[in-house]
Amino acid sequence: LDVDVVDVDGVTSDDPELTLPHPGAHQRAFVLVPWL
């Protein structure tokens, strides 16, 4: 199981523990398609 936090209320964060939005989400159709 992989659970990625993609976005939380539009918050941005560069914390290495939790980068928001998820840094690879914009390149991954397996995230974008189901999100739509």
PDB file of all heavy atoms in Angstrom:
ATOM      1  N   LEU A   1       0.846  -1.190   0.000  1.00  0.00           N
ATOM      2  CA  LEU A   1       0.000   0.000   0.000  1.00  0.00           C
ATOM      3  C   LEU A   1       0.884   1.243   0.000  1.00  0.00           C
ATOM      4  O   LEU A   1       1.837   1.343   0.772  1.00  0.00           O
ATOM      5  CB  LEU A   1      -0.904   0.023   1.240  1.00  0.00           C
ATOM      6  CG  LEU A   1      -1.866   1.196   1.351  1.00  0.00           C
ATOM      7  CD1 LEU A   1      -2.868   1.207   0.193  1.00  0.00           C
ATOM      8  CD2 LEU A   1      -2.601   1.165   2.686  1.00  0.00           C
ATOM      9  N   ASP A   2       0.531   2.159  -0.869  1.00  0.00           N
ATOM     10  CA  ASP A   2       1.185   3.461  -0.929  1.00  0.00           C
ATOM     11  C   ASP A   2       0.082   4.498  -0.801  1.00  0.00           C
ATOM     12  O   ASP A   2      -0.885   4.476  -1.577  1.00  0.00           O
ATOM     13  CB  ASP A   2       1.920   3.618  -2.264  1.00  0.00           C
ATOM     14  CG  ASP A   2       2.728   4.898  -2.339  1.00  0.00           C
ATOM     15  OD1 ASP A   2       3.249   5.341  -1.295  1.00  0.00           O
ATOM     16  OD2 ASP A   2       2.850   5.454  -3.442  1.00  0.00           O
ATOM     17  N   VAL A   3       0.187   5.364   0.190  1.00  0.00           N
ATOM     18  CA  VAL A   3      -0.784   6.444   0.381  1.00  0.00           C
ATOM     19  C   VAL A   3      -0.001   7.747   0.337  1.00  0.00           C
ATOM     20  O   VAL A   3       0.788   8.035   1.238  1.00  0.00           O
ATOM     21  CB  VAL A   3      -1.544   6.319   1.724  1.00  0.00           C
ATOM     22  CG1 VAL A   3      -2.565   7.458   1.855  1.00  0.00           C
ATOM     23  CG2 VAL A   3      -2.219   4.954   1.848  1.00  0.00           C
ATOM     24  N   ASP A   4      -0.203   8.513  -0.742  1.00  0.00           N
ATOM     25  CA  ASP A   4       0.483   9.791  -0.892  1.00  0.00           C
ATOM     26  C   ASP A   4      -0.470  10.942  -0.604  1.00  0.00           C
ATOM     27  O   ASP A   4      -1.607  10.957  -1.098  1.00  0.00           O
ATOM     28  CB  ASP A   4       1.019   9.962  -2.319  1.00  0.00           C
ATOM     29  CG  ASP A   4       2.236   9.102  -2.597  1.00  0.00           C
ATOM     30  OD1 ASP A   4       2.961   8.767  -1.644  1.00  0.00           O
ATOM     31  OD2 ASP A   4       2.462   8.784  -3.775  1.00  0.00           O
ATOM     32  N   VAL A   5       0.005  11.899   0.176  1.00  0.00           N
ATOM     33  CA  VAL A   5      -0.740  13.138   0.411  1.00  0.00           C
ATOM     34  C   VAL A   5      -0.407  14.052  -0.762  1.00  0.00           C
ATOM     35  O   VAL A   5       0.731  14.511  -0.898  1.00  0.00           O
ATOM     36  CB  VAL A   5      -0.353  13.779   1.757  1.00  0.00           C
ATOM     37  CG1 VAL A   5      -1.131  15.064   1.975  1.00  0.00           C
ATOM     38  CG2 VAL A   5      -0.573  12.799   2.908  1.00  0.00           C
ATOM     39  N   VAL A   6      -1.388  14.299  -1.611  1.00  0.00           N
ATOM     40  CA  VAL A   6      -1.175  15.079  -2.832  1.00  0.00           C
ATOM     41  C   VAL A   6      -1.376  16.559  -2.573  1.00  0.00           C
ATOM     42  O   VAL A   6      -0.591  17.393  -3.009  1.00  0.00           O
ATOM     43  CB  VAL A   6      -2.119  14.589  -3.958  1.00  0.00           C
ATOM     44  CG1 VAL A   6      -1.972  15.447  -5.204  1.00  0.00           C
ATOM     45  CG2 VAL A   6      -1.850  13.121  -4.273  1.00  0.00           C
ATOM     46  N   ASP A   7      -2.443  16.889  -1.848  1.00  0.00           N
ATOM     47  CA  ASP A   7      -2.788  18.290  -1.595  1.00  0.00           C
ATOM     48  C   ASP A   7      -3.577  18.367  -0.299  1.00  0.00           C
ATOM     49  O   ASP A   7      -4.371  17.469   0.006  1.00  0.00           O
ATOM     50  CB  ASP A   7      -3.622  18.847  -2.753  1.00  0.00           C
ATOM     51  CG  ASP A   7      -4.066  20.282  -2.527  1.00  0.00           C
ATOM     52  OD1 ASP A   7      -3.234  21.116  -2.113  1.00  0.00           O
ATOM     53  OD2 ASP A   7      -5.256  20.578  -2.760  1.00  0.00           O
ATOM     54  N   VAL A   8      -3.354  19.429   0.461  1.00  0.00           N
ATOM     55  CA  VAL A   8      -4.138  19.695   1.660  1.00  0.00           C
ATOM     56  C   VAL A   8      -4.513  21.172   1.641  1.00  0.00           C
ATOM     57  O   VAL A   8      -3.664  22.037   1.861  1.00  0.00           O
ATOM     58  CB  VAL A   8      -3.361  19.358   2.961  1.00  0.00           C
ATOM     59  CG1 VAL A   8      -4.223  19.664   4.183  1.00  0.00           C
ATOM     60  CG2 VAL A   8      -2.910  17.909   2.960  1.00  0.00           C
ATOM     61  N   ASP A   9      -5.765  21.449   1.295  1.00  0.00           N
ATOM     62  CA  ASP A   9      -6.290  22.822   1.297  1.00  0.00           C
ATOM     63  C   ASP A   9      -5.426  23.823   0.542  1.00  0.00           C
ATOM     64  O   ASP A   9      -5.349  24.996   0.917  1.00  0.00           O
ATOM     65  CB  ASP A   9      -6.499  23.319   2.730  1.00  0.00           C
ATOM     66  CG  ASP A   9      -7.738  22.740   3.379  1.00  0.00           C
ATOM     67  OD1 ASP A   9      -8.665  22.316   2.657  1.00  0.00           O
ATOM     68  OD2 ASP A   9      -7.781  22.697   4.626  1.00  0.00           O
ATOM     69  N   GLY A  10      -4.703  23.375  -0.483  1.00  0.00           N
ATOM     70  CA  GLY A  10      -3.883  24.289  -1.266  1.00  0.00           C
ATOM     71  C   GLY A  10      -2.612  24.753  -0.576  1.00  0.00           C
ATOM     72  O   GLY A  10      -1.908  25.638  -1.072  1.00  0.00           O
ATOM     73  N   VAL A  11      -2.280  24.154   0.565  1.00  0.00           N
ATOM     74  CA  VAL A  11      -1.072  24.519   1.312  1.00  0.00           C
ATOM     75  C   VAL A  11       0.164  24.115   0.508  1.00  0.00           C
ATOM     76  O   VAL A  11       0.184  23.068  -0.133  1.00  0.00           O
ATOM     77  CB  VAL A  11      -1.067  23.813   2.688  1.00  0.00           C
ATOM     78  CG1 VAL A  11       0.269  23.965   3.395  1.00  0.00           C
ATOM     79  CG2 VAL A  11      -2.197  24.340   3.552  1.00  0.00           C
ATOM     80  N   THR A  12       1.192  24.954   0.554  1.00  0.00           N
ATOM     81  CA  THR A  12       2.467  24.586  -0.049  1.00  0.00           C
ATOM     82  C   THR A  12       3.499  24.428   1.063  1.00  0.00           C
ATOM     83  O   THR A  12       3.468  25.144   2.063  1.00  0.00           O
ATOM     84  CB  THR A  12       2.957  25.630  -1.069  1.00  0.00           C
ATOM     85  OG1 THR A  12       3.076  26.895  -0.421  1.00  0.00           O
ATOM     86  CG2 THR A  12       1.984  25.753  -2.237  1.00  0.00           C
ATOM     87  N   SER A  13       4.388  23.446   0.880  1.00  0.00           N
ATOM     88  CA  SER A  13       5.404  23.159   1.880  1.00  0.00           C
ATOM     89  C   SER A  13       6.622  22.558   1.196  1.00  0.00           C
ATOM     90  O   SER A  13       6.483  21.691   0.329  1.00  0.00           O
ATOM     91  CB  SER A  13       4.855  22.160   2.909  1.00  0.00           C
ATOM     92  OG  SER A  13       5.900  21.653   3.717  1.00  0.00           O
ATOM     93  N   ASP A  14       7.798  23.031   1.591  1.00  0.00           N
ATOM     94  CA  ASP A  14       9.057  22.470   1.096  1.00  0.00           C
ATOM     95  C   ASP A  14       9.717  21.577   2.132  1.00  0.00           C
ATOM     96  O   ASP A  14      10.872  21.182   1.967  1.00  0.00           O
ATOM     97  CB  ASP A  14      10.026  23.600   0.717  1.00  0.00           C
ATOM     98  CG  ASP A  14       9.582  24.344  -0.525  1.00  0.00           C
ATOM     99  OD1 ASP A  14       8.940  23.710  -1.396  1.00  0.00           O
ATOM    100  OD2 ASP A  14       9.859  25.551  -0.622  1.00  0.00           O
ATOM    101  N   ASP A  15       9.002  21.255   3.202  1.00  0.00           N
ATOM    102  CA  ASP A  15       9.541  20.393   4.252  1.00  0.00           C
ATOM    103  C   ASP A  15       9.879  19.031   3.648  1.00  0.00           C
ATOM    104  O   ASP A  15       9.028  18.418   2.999  1.00  0.00           O
ATOM    105  CB  ASP A  15       8.484  20.242   5.350  1.00  0.00           C
ATOM    106  CG  ASP A  15       8.966  19.435   6.542  1.00  0.00           C
ATOM    107  OD1 ASP A  15       9.873  18.600   6.394  1.00  0.00           O
ATOM    108  OD2 ASP A  15       8.415  19.649   7.631  1.00  0.00           O
ATOM    109  N   PRO A  16      11.102  18.530   3.831  1.00  0.00           N
ATOM    110  CA  PRO A  16      11.464  17.225   3.266  1.00  0.00           C
ATOM    111  C   PRO A  16      10.578  16.090   3.787  1.00  0.00           C
ATOM    112  O   PRO A  16      10.411  15.075   3.129  1.00  0.00           O
ATOM    113  CB  PRO A  16      12.912  17.008   3.702  1.00  0.00           C
ATOM    114  CG  PRO A  16      13.381  18.278   4.287  1.00  0.00           C
ATOM    115  CD  PRO A  16      12.207  19.167   4.536  1.00  0.00           C
ATOM    116  N   GLU A  17       9.991  16.278   4.965  1.00  0.00           N
ATOM    117  CA  GLU A  17       9.089  15.276   5.535  1.00  0.00           C
ATOM    118  C   GLU A  17       7.753  15.247   4.784  1.00  0.00           C
ATOM    119  O   GLU A  17       7.152  14.189   4.627  1.00  0.00           O
ATOM    120  CB  GLU A  17       8.849  15.590   7.014  1.00  0.00           C
ATOM    121  CG  GLU A  17       8.005  14.597   7.738  1.00  0.00           C
ATOM    122  CD  GLU A  17       8.749  13.316   8.076  1.00  0.00           C
ATOM    123  OE1 GLU A  17       9.979  13.257   7.963  1.00  0.00           O
ATOM    124  OE2 GLU A  17       8.067  12.361   8.456  1.00  0.00           O
ATOM    125  N   LEU A  18       7.302  16.406   4.326  1.00  0.00           N
ATOM    126  CA  LEU A  18       6.023  16.492   3.625  1.00  0.00           C
ATOM    127  C   LEU A  18       6.056  17.678   2.659  1.00  0.00           C
ATOM    128  O   LEU A  18       5.797  18.810   3.035  1.00  0.00           O
ATOM    129  CB  LEU A  18       4.861  16.649   4.610  1.00  0.00           C
ATOM    130  CG  LEU A  18       3.478  16.788   3.988  1.00  0.00           C
ATOM    131  CD1 LEU A  18       3.124  15.558   3.156  1.00  0.00           C
ATOM    132  CD2 LEU A  18       2.436  17.001   5.071  1.00  0.00           C
ATOM    133  N   THR A  19       6.377  17.389   1.416  1.00  0.00           N
ATOM    134  CA  THR A  19       6.387  18.413   0.375  1.00  0.00           C
ATOM    135  C   THR A  19       4.979  18.497  -0.212  1.00  0.00           C
ATOM    136  O   THR A  19       4.411  17.481  -0.607  1.00  0.00           O
ATOM    137  CB  THR A  19       7.401  18.059  -0.728  1.00  0.00           C
ATOM    138  OG1 THR A  19       8.692  17.887  -0.124  1.00  0.00           O
ATOM    139  CG2 THR A  19       7.467  19.151  -1.782  1.00  0.00           C
ATOM    140  N   LEU A  20       4.425  19.696  -0.221  1.00  0.00           N
ATOM    141  CA  LEU A  20       3.082  19.912  -0.769  1.00  0.00           C
ATOM    142  C   LEU A  20       3.088  21.057  -1.755  1.00  0.00           C
ATOM    143  O   LEU A  20       3.766  22.059  -1.513  1.00  0.00           O
ATOM    144  CB  LEU A  20       2.085  20.224   0.355  1.00  0.00           C
ATOM    145  CG  LEU A  20       1.700  19.056   1.246  1.00  0.00           C
ATOM    146  CD1 LEU A  20       0.857  19.554   2.408  1.00  0.00           C
ATOM    147  CD2 LEU A  20       0.982  17.978   0.472  1.00  0.00           C
ATOM    148  N   PRO A  21       2.319  20.913  -2.840  1.00  0.00           N
ATOM    149  CA  PRO A  21       1.651  19.674  -3.213  1.00  0.00           C
ATOM    150  C   PRO A  21       2.683  18.593  -3.517  1.00  0.00           C
ATOM    151  O   PRO A  21       3.873  18.875  -3.663  1.00  0.00           O
ATOM    152  CB  PRO A  21       0.853  20.041  -4.457  1.00  0.00           C
ATOM    153  CG  PRO A  21       1.555  21.213  -5.035  1.00  0.00           C
ATOM    154  CD  PRO A  21       2.178  21.947  -3.877  1.00  0.00           C
ATOM    155  N   HIS A  22       2.210  17.343  -3.608  1.00  0.00           N
ATOM    156  CA  HIS A  22       3.119  16.224  -3.871  1.00  0.00           C
ATOM    157  C   HIS A  22       3.958  16.566  -5.100  1.00  0.00           C
ATOM    158  O   HIS A  22       3.415  16.937  -6.141  1.00  0.00           O
ATOM    159  CB  HIS A  22       2.328  14.944  -4.098  1.00  0.00           C
ATOM    160  CG  HIS A  22       3.199  13.733  -4.170  1.00  0.00           C
ATOM    161  ND1 HIS A  22       3.955  13.433  -5.270  1.00  0.00           N
ATOM    162  CD2 HIS A  22       3.443  12.760  -3.260  1.00  0.00           C
ATOM    163  CE1 HIS A  22       4.624  12.316  -5.044  1.00  0.00           C
ATOM    164  NE2 HIS A  22       4.330  11.888  -3.828  1.00  0.00           N
ATOM    165  N   PRO A  23       5.280  16.475  -5.007  1.00  0.00           N
ATOM    166  CA  PRO A  23       6.142  16.980  -6.078  1.00  0.00           C
ATOM    167  C   PRO A  23       6.004  16.280  -7.433  1.00  0.00           C
ATOM    168  O   PRO A  23       6.309  16.877  -8.454  1.00  0.00           O
ATOM    169  CB  PRO A  23       7.552  16.809  -5.521  1.00  0.00           C
ATOM    170  CG  PRO A  23       7.433  15.827  -4.419  1.00  0.00           C
ATOM    171  CD  PRO A  23       6.035  15.948  -3.887  1.00  0.00           C
ATOM    172  N   GLY A  24       5.536  15.054  -7.482  1.00  0.00           N
ATOM    173  CA  GLY A  24       5.431  14.375  -8.767  1.00  0.00           C
ATOM    174  C   GLY A  24       4.024  14.285  -9.315  1.00  0.00           C
ATOM    175  O   GLY A  24       3.813  13.782 -10.425  1.00  0.00           O
ATOM    176  N   ALA A  25       3.045  14.774  -8.566  1.00  0.00           N
ATOM    177  CA  ALA A  25       1.642  14.580  -8.950  1.00  0.00           C
ATOM    178  C   ALA A  25       1.324  15.128 -10.336  1.00  0.00           C
ATOM    179  O   ALA A  25       0.569  14.520 -11.091  1.00  0.00           O
ATOM    180  CB  ALA A  25       0.723  15.212  -7.907  1.00  0.00           C
ATOM    181  N   HIS A  26       1.908  16.250 -10.701  1.00  0.00           N
ATOM    182  CA  HIS A  26       1.580  16.888 -11.977  1.00  0.00           C
ATOM    183  C   HIS A  26       2.056  16.085 -13.181  1.00  0.00           C
ATOM    184  O   HIS A  26       1.627  16.324 -14.306  1.00  0.00           O
ATOM    185  CB  HIS A  26       2.151  18.310 -12.028  1.00  0.00           C
ATOM    186  CG  HIS A  26       3.644  18.351 -12.075  1.00  0.00           C
ATOM    187  ND1 HIS A  26       4.431  18.068 -10.973  1.00  0.00           N
ATOM    188  CD2 HIS A  26       4.498  18.630 -13.086  1.00  0.00           C
ATOM    189  CE1 HIS A  26       5.694  18.177 -11.307  1.00  0.00           C
ATOM    190  NE2 HIS A  26       5.768  18.513 -12.589  1.00  0.00           N
ATOM    191  N   GLN A  27       2.934  15.096 -12.963  1.00  0.00           N
ATOM    192  CA  GLN A  27       3.488  14.283 -14.041  1.00  0.00           C
ATOM    193  C   GLN A  27       2.913  12.875 -14.086  1.00  0.00           C
ATOM    194  O   GLN A  27       3.321  12.081 -14.921  1.00  0.00           O
ATOM    195  CB  GLN A  27       5.005  14.152 -13.864  1.00  0.00           C
ATOM    196  CG  GLN A  27       5.733  15.457 -13.863  1.00  0.00           C
ATOM    197  CD  GLN A  27       7.180  15.265 -13.459  1.00  0.00           C
ATOM    198  OE1 GLN A  27       7.475  14.611 -12.452  1.00  0.00           O
ATOM    199  NE2 GLN A  27       8.080  15.819 -14.248  1.00  0.00           N
ATOM    200  N   ARG A  28       2.013  12.562 -13.193  1.00  0.00           N
ATOM    201  CA  ARG A  28       1.564  11.178 -13.032  1.00  0.00           C
ATOM    202  C   ARG A  28       0.085  11.035 -13.364  1.00  0.00           C
ATOM    203  O   ARG A  28      -0.785  11.388 -12.566  1.00  0.00           O
ATOM    204  CB  ARG A  28       1.865  10.711 -11.621  1.00  0.00           C
ATOM    205  CG  ARG A  28       3.377  10.721 -11.391  1.00  0.00           C
ATOM    206  CD  ARG A  28       3.762  10.296 -10.026  1.00  0.00           C
ATOM    207  NE  ARG A  28       5.222  10.355  -9.901  1.00  0.00           N
ATOM    208  CZ  ARG A  28       5.845  10.480  -8.765  1.00  0.00           C
ATOM    209  NH1 ARG A  28       5.168  10.545  -7.635  1.00  0.00           N
ATOM    210  NH2 ARG A  28       7.163  10.518  -8.736  1.00  0.00           N
ATOM    211  N   ALA A  29      -0.161  10.458 -14.518  1.00  0.00           N
ATOM    212  CA  ALA A  29      -1.544  10.250 -14.956  1.00  0.00           C
ATOM    213  C   ALA A  29      -2.296   9.370 -13.969  1.00  0.00           C
ATOM    214  O   ALA A  29      -3.507   9.531 -13.799  1.00  0.00           O
ATOM    215  CB  ALA A  29      -1.573   9.648 -16.359  1.00  0.00           C
ATOM    216  N   PHE A  30      -1.597   8.460 -13.275  1.00  0.00           N
ATOM    217  CA  PHE A  30      -2.290   7.594 -12.321  1.00  0.00           C
ATOM    218  C   PHE A  30      -2.803   8.361 -11.101  1.00  0.00           C
ATOM    219  O   PHE A  30      -3.613   7.833 -10.336  1.00  0.00           O
ATOM    220  CB  PHE A  30      -1.425   6.394 -11.904  1.00  0.00           C
ATOM    221  CG  PHE A  30      -0.202   6.727 -11.100  1.00  0.00           C
ATOM    222  CD1 PHE A  30      -0.273   6.930  -9.734  1.00  0.00           C
ATOM    223  CD2 PHE A  30       1.040   6.801 -11.709  1.00  0.00           C
ATOM    224  CE1 PHE A  30       0.862   7.218  -8.986  1.00  0.00           C
ATOM    225  CE2 PHE A  30       2.185   7.075 -10.975  1.00  0.00           C
ATOM    226  CZ  PHE A  30       2.095   7.292  -9.613  1.00  0.00           C
ATOM    227  N   VAL A  31      -2.374   9.594 -10.931  1.00  0.00           N
ATOM    228  CA  VAL A  31      -2.930  10.488  -9.914  1.00  0.00           C
ATOM    229  C   VAL A  31      -3.990  11.391 -10.548  1.00  0.00           C
ATOM    230  O   VAL A  31      -5.094  11.544 -10.024  1.00  0.00           O
ATOM    231  CB  VAL A  31      -1.834  11.350  -9.255  1.00  0.00           C
ATOM    232  CG1 VAL A  31      -2.448  12.398  -8.322  1.00  0.00           C
ATOM    233  CG2 VAL A  31      -0.836  10.487  -8.512  1.00  0.00           C
ATOM    234  N   LEU A  32      -3.658  11.987 -11.684  1.00  0.00           N
ATOM    235  CA  LEU A  32      -4.527  12.988 -12.298  1.00  0.00           C
ATOM    236  C   LEU A  32      -5.847  12.409 -12.804  1.00  0.00           C
ATOM    237  O   LEU A  32      -6.907  13.023 -12.612  1.00  0.00           O
ATOM    238  CB  LEU A  32      -3.782  13.691 -13.438  1.00  0.00           C
ATOM    239  CG  LEU A  32      -2.468  14.377 -13.047  1.00  0.00           C
ATOM    240  CD1 LEU A  32      -1.771  14.936 -14.285  1.00  0.00           C
ATOM    241  CD2 LEU A  32      -2.673  15.452 -11.993  1.00  0.00           C
ATOM    242  N   VAL A  33      -5.803  11.253 -13.453  1.00  0.00           N
ATOM    243  CA  VAL A  33      -7.035  10.664 -14.013  1.00  0.00           C
ATOM    244  C   VAL A  33      -8.055  10.367 -12.914  1.00  0.00           C
ATOM    245  O   VAL A  33      -9.204  10.825 -12.989  1.00  0.00           O
ATOM    246  CB  VAL A  33      -6.718   9.421 -14.871  1.00  0.00           C
ATOM    247  CG1 VAL A  33      -8.000   8.678 -15.246  1.00  0.00           C
ATOM    248  CG2 VAL A  33      -5.947   9.812 -16.128  1.00  0.00           C
ATOM    249  N   PRO A  34      -7.686   9.609 -11.865  1.00  0.00           N
ATOM    250  CA  PRO A  34      -8.696   9.357 -10.833  1.00  0.00           C
ATOM    251  C   PRO A  34      -9.100  10.608 -10.063  1.00  0.00           C
ATOM    252  O   PRO A  34     -10.244  10.708  -9.593  1.00  0.00           O
ATOM    253  CB  PRO A  34      -8.049   8.314  -9.921  1.00  0.00           C
ATOM    254  CG  PRO A  34      -6.644   8.172 -10.339  1.00  0.00           C
ATOM    255  CD  PRO A  34      -6.468   8.820 -11.665  1.00  0.00           C
ATOM    256  N   TRP A  35      -8.205  11.577  -9.936  1.00  0.00           N
ATOM    257  CA  TRP A  35      -8.561  12.814  -9.241  1.00  0.00           C
ATOM    258  C   TRP A  35      -9.704  13.502  -9.982  1.00  0.00           C
ATOM    259  O   TRP A  35     -10.650  13.996  -9.363  1.00  0.00           O
ATOM    260  CB  TRP A  35      -7.336  13.708  -9.135  1.00  0.00           C
ATOM    261  CG  TRP A  35      -7.470  14.901  -8.231  1.00  0.00           C
ATOM    262  CD1 TRP A  35      -8.568  15.308  -7.533  1.00  0.00           C
ATOM    263  CD2 TRP A  35      -6.444  15.842  -7.924  1.00  0.00           C
ATOM    264  NE1 TRP A  35      -8.292  16.442  -6.808  1.00  0.00           N
ATOM    265  CE2 TRP A  35      -6.997  16.793  -7.035  1.00  0.00           C
ATOM    266  CE3 TRP A  35      -5.127  15.977  -8.315  1.00  0.00           C
ATOM    267  CZ2 TRP A  35      -6.257  17.855  -6.540  1.00  0.00           C
ATOM    268  CZ3 TRP A  35      -4.392  17.039  -7.813  1.00  0.00           C
ATOM    269  CH2 TRP A  35      -4.947  17.968  -6.937  1.00  0.00           C
ATOM    270  N   LEU A  36      -9.639  13.518 -11.299  1.00  0.00           N
ATOM    271  CA  LEU A  36     -10.711  14.135 -12.074  1.00  0.00           C
ATOM    272  C   LEU A  36     -12.043  13.401 -11.909  1.00  0.00           C
ATOM    273  O   LEU A  36     -13.098  14.005 -12.056  1.00  0.00           O
ATOM    274  CB  LEU A  36     -10.329  14.219 -13.551  1.00  0.00           C
ATOM    275  CG  LEU A  36      -9.266  15.261 -13.884  1.00  0.00           C
ATOM    276  CD1 LEU A  36      -8.838  15.145 -15.336  1.00  0.00           C
ATOM    277  CD2 LEU A  36      -9.764  16.671 -13.563  1.00  0.00           C
TER     278      LEU A  36
END
